[in-house]
Amino acid sequence: MNMAELKVITIEHHSKTYEFKTLDEAMEWAKQLGEFVTIKFNDLEIAGKFGVDGITSGKFSNGEPYTWKKRRRH
């Protein structure tokens, strides 16, 4: 993927949408936030809690429980 072709990168968090000029800015903001977000760009979506190393025994590396909820959009 050519990063120069990116139009607008958005992050959805708690029913609000934030815009960023670069994917690097969006990912850094998401990492600093430390909460579950959805990043959207070029018809792609990346969802998760950025900056988390992994999930072990149902918990993030910082000890918080991992939960996943799928929402159906109409």
PDB file of N, CA and C in Angstrom:
ATOM      1  N   MET A   1       0.849  -1.173   0.000  1.00  0.00           N
ATOM      2  CA  MET A   1       0.000   0.000   0.000  1.00  0.00           C
ATOM      3  C   MET A   1       0.891   1.232   0.000  1.00  0.00           C
ATOM      4  N   ASN A   2       0.589   2.142  -0.872  1.00  0.00           N
ATOM      5  CA  ASN A   2       1.335   3.384  -0.958  1.00  0.00           C
ATOM      6  C   ASN A   2       0.747   4.383   0.040  1.00  0.00           C
ATOM      7  N   MET A   3       1.511   4.741   1.053  1.00  0.00           N
ATOM      8  CA  MET A   3       1.023   5.641   2.101  1.00  0.00           C
ATOM      9  C   MET A   3       0.705   7.030   1.543  1.00  0.00           C
ATOM     10  N   ALA A   4       1.301   7.393   0.407  1.00  0.00           N
ATOM     11  CA  ALA A   4       1.019   8.696  -0.189  1.00  0.00           C
ATOM     12  C   ALA A   4      -0.416   8.771  -0.714  1.00  0.00           C
ATOM     13  N   GLU A   5      -1.033   7.609  -0.948  1.00  0.00           N
ATOM     14  CA  GLU A   5      -2.389   7.570  -1.467  1.00  0.00           C
ATOM     15  C   GLU A   5      -3.456   7.668  -0.376  1.00  0.00           C
ATOM     16  N   LEU A   6      -3.073   7.661   0.881  1.00  0.00           N
ATOM     17  CA  LEU A   6      -4.041   7.760   1.959  1.00  0.00           C
ATOM     18  C   LEU A   6      -4.767   9.089   1.900  1.00  0.00           C
ATOM     19  N   LYS A   7      -6.063   9.054   2.047  1.00  0.00           N
ATOM     20  CA  LYS A   7      -6.852  10.288   2.030  1.00  0.00           C
ATOM     21  C   LYS A   7      -6.958  10.836   3.447  1.00  0.00           C
ATOM     22  N   VAL A   8      -7.884  10.307   4.226  1.00  0.00           N
ATOM     23  CA  VAL A   8      -8.083  10.735   5.606  1.00  0.00           C
ATOM     24  C   VAL A   8      -8.098   9.490   6.472  1.00  0.00           C
ATOM     25  N   ILE A   9      -7.400   9.541   7.573  1.00  0.00           N
ATOM     26  CA  ILE A   9      -7.389   8.440   8.524  1.00  0.00           C
ATOM     27  C   ILE A   9      -8.278   8.854   9.677  1.00  0.00           C
ATOM     28  N   THR A  10      -9.231   8.017  10.047  1.00  0.00           N
ATOM     29  CA  THR A  10     -10.110   8.345  11.160  1.00  0.00           C
ATOM     30  C   THR A  10      -9.979   7.292  12.252  1.00  0.00           C
ATOM     31  N   ILE A  11     -10.226   7.736  13.483  1.00  0.00           N
ATOM     32  CA  ILE A  11     -10.300   6.825  14.624  1.00  0.00           C
ATOM     33  C   ILE A  11     -11.654   7.023  15.265  1.00  0.00           C
ATOM     34  N   GLU A  12     -12.346   5.918  15.468  1.00  0.00           N
ATOM     35  CA  GLU A  12     -13.612   5.942  16.186  1.00  0.00           C
ATOM     36  C   GLU A  12     -13.362   5.468  17.604  1.00  0.00           C
ATOM     37  N   HIS A  13     -13.829   6.276  18.573  1.00  0.00           N
ATOM     38  CA  HIS A  13     -13.644   5.956  19.985  1.00  0.00           C
ATOM     39  C   HIS A  13     -14.818   6.539  20.753  1.00  0.00           C
ATOM     40  N   HIS A  14     -15.551   5.705  21.466  1.00  0.00           N
ATOM     41  CA  HIS A  14     -16.718   6.143  22.244  1.00  0.00           C
ATOM     42  C   HIS A  14     -17.671   6.995  21.411  1.00  0.00           C
ATOM     43  N   SER A  15     -18.057   6.502  20.248  1.00  0.00           N
ATOM     44  CA  SER A  15     -19.029   7.152  19.349  1.00  0.00           C
ATOM     45  C   SER A  15     -18.564   8.506  18.811  1.00  0.00           C
ATOM     46  N   LYS A  16     -17.297   8.823  18.929  1.00  0.00           N
ATOM     47  CA  LYS A  16     -16.745  10.045  18.355  1.00  0.00           C
ATOM     48  C   LYS A  16     -15.741   9.659  17.277  1.00  0.00           C
ATOM     49  N   THR A  17     -15.567  10.544  16.300  1.00  0.00           N
ATOM     50  CA  THR A  17     -14.622  10.298  15.217  1.00  0.00           C
ATOM     51  C   THR A  17     -13.557  11.388  15.225  1.00  0.00           C
ATOM     52  N   TYR A  18     -12.307  10.962  15.163  1.00  0.00           N
ATOM     53  CA  TYR A  18     -11.159  11.873  15.143  1.00  0.00           C
ATOM     54  C   TYR A  18     -10.425  11.674  13.822  1.00  0.00           C
ATOM     55  N   GLU A  19      -9.937  12.752  13.225  1.00  0.00           N
ATOM     56  CA  GLU A  19      -9.233  12.675  11.944  1.00  0.00           C
ATOM     57  C   GLU A  19      -7.742  12.955  12.106  1.00  0.00           C
ATOM     58  N   PHE A  20      -6.948  12.243  11.295  1.00  0.00           N
ATOM     59  CA  PHE A  20      -5.493  12.396  11.316  1.00  0.00           C
ATOM     60  C   PHE A  20      -4.983  12.456   9.889  1.00  0.00           C
ATOM     61  N   LYS A  21      -3.861  13.113   9.704  1.00  0.00           N
ATOM     62  CA  LYS A  21      -3.271  13.248   8.373  1.00  0.00           C
ATOM     63  C   LYS A  21      -2.449  12.030   7.975  1.00  0.00           C
ATOM     64  N   THR A  22      -1.841  11.373   8.966  1.00  0.00           N
ATOM     65  CA  THR A  22      -1.008  10.202   8.655  1.00  0.00           C
ATOM     66  C   THR A  22      -1.403   9.024   9.541  1.00  0.00           C
ATOM     67  N   LEU A  23      -1.112   7.842   9.043  1.00  0.00           N
ATOM     68  CA  LEU A  23      -1.374   6.627   9.817  1.00  0.00           C
ATOM     69  C   LEU A  23      -0.498   6.594  11.068  1.00  0.00           C
ATOM     70  N   ASP A  24       0.734   7.070  10.949  1.00  0.00           N
ATOM     71  CA  ASP A  24       1.633   7.120  12.113  1.00  0.00           C
ATOM     72  C   ASP A  24       1.046   7.975  13.236  1.00  0.00           C
ATOM     73  N   GLU A  25       0.487   9.151  12.878  1.00  0.00           N
ATOM     74  CA  GLU A  25      -0.139  10.008  13.893  1.00  0.00           C
ATOM     75  C   GLU A  25      -1.328   9.309  14.542  1.00  0.00           C
ATOM     76  N   ALA A  26      -2.143   8.664  13.725  1.00  0.00           N
ATOM     77  CA  ALA A  26      -3.326   7.973  14.241  1.00  0.00           C
ATOM     78  C   ALA A  26      -2.933   6.849  15.194  1.00  0.00           C
ATOM     79  N   MET A  27      -1.952   6.050  14.808  1.00  0.00           N
ATOM     80  CA  MET A  27      -1.540   4.926  15.650  1.00  0.00           C
ATOM     81  C   MET A  27      -0.880   5.403  16.938  1.00  0.00           C
ATOM     82  N   GLU A  28      -0.102   6.471  16.869  1.00  0.00           N
ATOM     83  CA  GLU A  28       0.531   7.005  18.080  1.00  0.00           C
ATOM     84  C   GLU A  28      -0.538   7.525  19.048  1.00  0.00           C
ATOM     85  N   TRP A  29      -1.552   8.228  18.523  1.00  0.00           N
ATOM     86  CA  TRP A  29      -2.637   8.733  19.362  1.00  0.00           C
ATOM     87  C   TRP A  29      -3.384   7.566  20.017  1.00  0.00           C
ATOM     88  N   ALA A  30      -3.663   6.534  19.222  1.00  0.00           N
ATOM     89  CA  ALA A  30      -4.371   5.362  19.749  1.00  0.00           C
ATOM     90  C   ALA A  30      -3.546   4.667  20.831  1.00  0.00           C
ATOM     91  N   LYS A  31      -2.248   4.585  20.616  1.00  0.00           N
ATOM     92  CA  LYS A  31      -1.365   3.952  21.604  1.00  0.00           C
ATOM     93  C   LYS A  31      -1.344   4.748  22.906  1.00  0.00           C
ATOM     94  N   GLN A  32      -1.262   6.079  22.808  1.00  0.00           N
ATOM     95  CA  GLN A  32      -1.271   6.922  24.002  1.00  0.00           C
ATOM     96  C   GLN A  32      -2.605   6.842  24.737  1.00  0.00           C
ATOM     97  N   LEU A  33      -3.696   6.707  23.975  1.00  0.00           N
ATOM     98  CA  LEU A  33      -5.026   6.601  24.568  1.00  0.00           C
ATOM     99  C   LEU A  33      -5.140   5.330  25.397  1.00  0.00           C
ATOM    100  N   GLY A  34      -4.610   4.242  24.867  1.00  0.00           N
ATOM    101  CA  GLY A  34      -4.601   2.983  25.606  1.00  0.00           C
ATOM    102  C   GLY A  34      -5.966   2.327  25.755  1.00  0.00           C
ATOM    103  N   GLU A  35      -6.878   2.618  24.843  1.00  0.00           N
ATOM    104  CA  GLU A  35      -8.214   2.027  24.882  1.00  0.00           C
ATOM    105  C   GLU A  35      -8.548   1.443  23.511  1.00  0.00           C
ATOM    106  N   PHE A  36      -9.613   0.642  23.462  1.00  0.00           N
ATOM    107  CA  PHE A  36     -10.046   0.023  22.219  1.00  0.00           C
ATOM    108  C   PHE A  36     -10.530   1.093  21.248  1.00  0.00           C
ATOM    109  N   VAL A  37     -10.001   1.072  20.024  1.00  0.00           N
ATOM    110  CA  VAL A  37     -10.396   2.022  18.983  1.00  0.00           C
ATOM    111  C   VAL A  37     -10.525   1.287  17.650  1.00  0.00           C
ATOM    112  N   THR A  38     -11.132   1.951  16.681  1.00  0.00           N
ATOM    113  CA  THR A  38     -11.182   1.459  15.311  1.00  0.00           C
ATOM    114  C   THR A  38     -10.573   2.521  14.414  1.00  0.00           C
ATOM    115  N   ILE A  39      -9.502   2.153  13.704  1.00  0.00           N
ATOM    116  CA  ILE A  39      -8.861   3.052  12.753  1.00  0.00           C
ATOM    117  C   ILE A  39      -9.362   2.675  11.363  1.00  0.00           C
ATOM    118  N   LYS A  40      -9.807   3.675  10.597  1.00  0.00           N
ATOM    119  CA  LYS A  40     -10.327   3.439   9.252  1.00  0.00           C
ATOM    120  C   LYS A  40      -9.564   4.287   8.241  1.00  0.00           C
ATOM    121  N   PHE A  41      -9.193   3.634   7.116  1.00  0.00           N
ATOM    122  CA  PHE A  41      -8.541   4.338   6.018  1.00  0.00           C
ATOM    123  C   PHE A  41      -8.589   3.463   4.779  1.00  0.00           C
ATOM    124  N   ASN A  42      -8.761   4.104   3.617  1.00  0.00           N
ATOM    125  CA  ASN A  42      -8.751   3.389   2.326  1.00  0.00           C
ATOM    126  C   ASN A  42      -9.573   2.102   2.338  1.00  0.00           C
ATOM    127  N   ASP A  43     -10.786   2.160   2.846  1.00  0.00           N
ATOM    128  CA  ASP A  43     -11.696   1.008   2.900  1.00  0.00           C
ATOM    129  C   ASP A  43     -11.185  -0.132   3.784  1.00  0.00           C
ATOM    130  N   LEU A  44     -10.256   0.149   4.687  1.00  0.00           N
ATOM    131  CA  LEU A  44      -9.759  -0.837   5.643  1.00  0.00           C
ATOM    132  C   LEU A  44     -10.118  -0.406   7.054  1.00  0.00           C
ATOM    133  N   GLU A  45     -10.266  -1.382   7.945  1.00  0.00           N
ATOM    134  CA  GLU A  45     -10.488  -1.096   9.361  1.00  0.00           C
ATOM    135  C   GLU A  45      -9.515  -1.909  10.190  1.00  0.00           C
ATOM    136  N   ILE A  46      -8.915  -1.254  11.166  1.00  0.00           N
ATOM    137  CA  ILE A  46      -8.047  -1.932  12.129  1.00  0.00           C
ATOM    138  C   ILE A  46      -8.633  -1.634  13.495  1.00  0.00           C
ATOM    139  N   ALA A  47      -9.007  -2.670  14.218  1.00  0.00           N
ATOM    140  CA  ALA A  47      -9.628  -2.470  15.526  1.00  0.00           C
ATOM    141  C   ALA A  47      -8.794  -3.142  16.597  1.00  0.00           C
ATOM    142  N   GLY A  48      -8.690  -2.482  17.734  1.00  0.00           N
ATOM    143  CA  GLY A  48      -7.969  -3.078  18.844  1.00  0.00           C
ATOM    144  C   GLY A  48      -7.482  -2.037  19.821  1.00  0.00           C
ATOM    145  N   LYS A  49      -6.734  -2.527  20.762  1.00  0.00           N
ATOM    146  CA  LYS A  49      -6.113  -1.678  21.776  1.00  0.00           C
ATOM    147  C   LYS A  49      -4.635  -1.609  21.412  1.00  0.00           C
ATOM    148  N   PHE A  50      -4.199  -0.501  20.854  1.00  0.00           N
ATOM    149  CA  PHE A  50      -2.842  -0.377  20.345  1.00  0.00           C
ATOM    150  C   PHE A  50      -1.842  -0.229  21.489  1.00  0.00           C
ATOM    151  N   GLY A  51      -0.688  -0.832  21.286  1.00  0.00           N
ATOM    152  CA  GLY A  51       0.343  -0.790  22.303  1.00  0.00           C
ATOM    153  C   GLY A  51       0.310  -1.986  23.237  1.00  0.00           C
ATOM    154  N   VAL A  52      -0.611  -2.887  23.015  1.00  0.00           N
ATOM    155  CA  VAL A  52      -0.721  -4.092  23.838  1.00  0.00           C
ATOM    156  C   VAL A  52       0.145  -5.169  23.204  1.00  0.00           C
ATOM    157  N   ASP A  53       0.963  -5.812  24.000  1.00  0.00           N
ATOM    158  CA  ASP A  53       1.859  -6.843  23.493  1.00  0.00           C
ATOM    159  C   ASP A  53       1.132  -8.122  23.116  1.00  0.00           C
ATOM    160  N   GLY A  54       0.118  -8.477  23.870  1.00  0.00           N
ATOM    161  CA  GLY A  54      -0.594  -9.708  23.596  1.00  0.00           C
ATOM    162  C   GLY A  54      -1.586 -10.017  24.695  1.00  0.00           C
ATOM    163  N   ILE A  55      -2.264 -11.142  24.527  1.00  0.00           N
ATOM    164  CA  ILE A  55      -3.267 -11.585  25.491  1.00  0.00           C
ATOM    165  C   ILE A  55      -2.832 -12.949  26.016  1.00  0.00           C
ATOM    166  N   THR A  56      -2.752 -13.054  27.329  1.00  0.00           N
ATOM    167  CA  THR A  56      -2.380 -14.307  27.967  1.00  0.00           C
ATOM    168  C   THR A  56      -3.392 -14.614  29.053  1.00  0.00           C
ATOM    169  N   SER A  57      -3.946 -15.811  29.018  1.00  0.00           N
ATOM    170  CA  SER A  57      -4.937 -16.238  30.011  1.00  0.00           C
ATOM    171  C   SER A  57      -6.085 -15.230  30.146  1.00  0.00           C
ATOM    172  N   GLY A  58      -6.513 -14.670  28.992  1.00  0.00           N
ATOM    173  CA  GLY A  58      -7.648 -13.756  28.994  1.00  0.00           C
ATOM    174  C   GLY A  58      -7.355 -12.356  29.499  1.00  0.00           C
ATOM    175  N   LYS A  59      -6.063 -11.979  29.597  1.00  0.00           N
ATOM    176  CA  LYS A  59      -5.712 -10.645  30.089  1.00  0.00           C
ATOM    177  C   LYS A  59      -4.659 -10.007  29.195  1.00  0.00           C
ATOM    178  N   PHE A  60      -4.719  -8.648  29.109  1.00  0.00           N
ATOM    179  CA  PHE A  60      -3.679  -7.905  28.421  1.00  0.00           C
ATOM    180  C   PHE A  60      -2.401  -7.961  29.250  1.00  0.00           C
ATOM    181  N   SER A  61      -1.296  -7.534  28.652  1.00  0.00           N
ATOM    182  CA  SER A  61      -0.015  -7.563  29.348  1.00  0.00           C
ATOM    183  C   SER A  61       0.004  -6.663  30.583  1.00  0.00           C
ATOM    184  N   ASN A  62      -0.901  -5.659  30.635  1.00  0.00           N
ATOM    185  CA  ASN A  62      -0.953  -4.782  31.809  1.00  0.00           C
ATOM    186  C   ASN A  62      -1.894  -5.313  32.894  1.00  0.00           C
ATOM    187  N   GLY A  63      -2.454  -6.515  32.688  1.00  0.00           N
ATOM    188  CA  GLY A  63      -3.313  -7.135  33.695  1.00  0.00           C
ATOM    189  C   GLY A  63      -4.800  -6.899  33.515  1.00  0.00           C
ATOM    190  N   GLU A  64      -5.180  -6.003  32.606  1.00  0.00           N
ATOM    191  CA  GLU A  64      -6.600  -5.753  32.368  1.00  0.00           C
ATOM    192  C   GLU A  64      -7.219  -6.951  31.658  1.00  0.00           C
ATOM    193  N   PRO A  65      -8.464  -7.283  31.984  1.00  0.00           N
ATOM    194  CA  PRO A  65      -9.118  -8.406  31.299  1.00  0.00           C
ATOM    195  C   PRO A  65      -9.421  -8.061  29.848  1.00  0.00           C
ATOM    196  N   TYR A  66      -9.265  -9.036  28.971  1.00  0.00           N
ATOM    197  CA  TYR A  66      -9.585  -8.861  27.560  1.00  0.00           C
ATOM    198  C   TYR A  66     -11.043  -9.239  27.341  1.00  0.00           C
ATOM    199  N   THR A  67     -11.803  -8.331  26.777  1.00  0.00           N
ATOM    200  CA  THR A  67     -13.188  -8.633  26.409  1.00  0.00           C
ATOM    201  C   THR A  67     -13.389  -8.224  24.968  1.00  0.00           C
ATOM    202  N   TRP A  68     -14.229  -8.930  24.307  1.00  0.00           N
ATOM    203  CA  TRP A  68     -14.501  -8.642  22.915  1.00  0.00           C
ATOM    204  C   TRP A  68     -15.997  -8.693  22.694  1.00  0.00           C
ATOM    205  N   LYS A  69     -16.489  -7.669  22.049  1.00  0.00           N
ATOM    206  CA  LYS A  69     -17.921  -7.595  21.799  1.00  0.00           C
ATOM    207  C   LYS A  69     -18.115  -7.184  20.341  1.00  0.00           C
ATOM    208  N   LYS A  70     -18.849  -7.965  19.628  1.00  0.00           N
ATOM    209  CA  LYS A  70     -19.096  -7.647  18.234  1.00  0.00           C
ATOM    210  C   LYS A  70     -20.421  -6.923  18.122  1.00  0.00           C
ATOM    211  N   ARG A  71     -20.391  -5.783  17.479  1.00  0.00           N
ATOM    212  CA  ARG A  71     -21.621  -5.016  17.272  1.00  0.00           C
ATOM    213  C   ARG A  71     -22.058  -5.145  15.835  1.00  0.00           C
ATOM    214  N   ARG A  72     -23.322  -5.303  15.668  1.00  0.00           N
ATOM    215  CA  ARG A  72     -23.877  -5.373  14.328  1.00  0.00           C
ATOM    216  C   ARG A  72     -24.356  -3.985  13.933  1.00  0.00           C
ATOM    217  N   ARG A  73     -23.890  -3.530  12.789  1.00  0.00           N
ATOM    218  CA  ARG A  73     -24.282  -2.203  12.317  1.00  0.00           C
ATOM    219  C   ARG A  73     -25.329  -2.352  11.245  1.00  0.00           C
ATOM    220  N   HIS A  74     -26.328  -1.512  11.299  1.00  0.00           N
ATOM    221  CA  HIS A  74     -27.405  -1.541  10.286  1.00  0.00           C
ATOM    222  C   HIS A  74     -27.297  -0.343   9.406  1.00  0.00           C
TER     223      HIS A  74
END
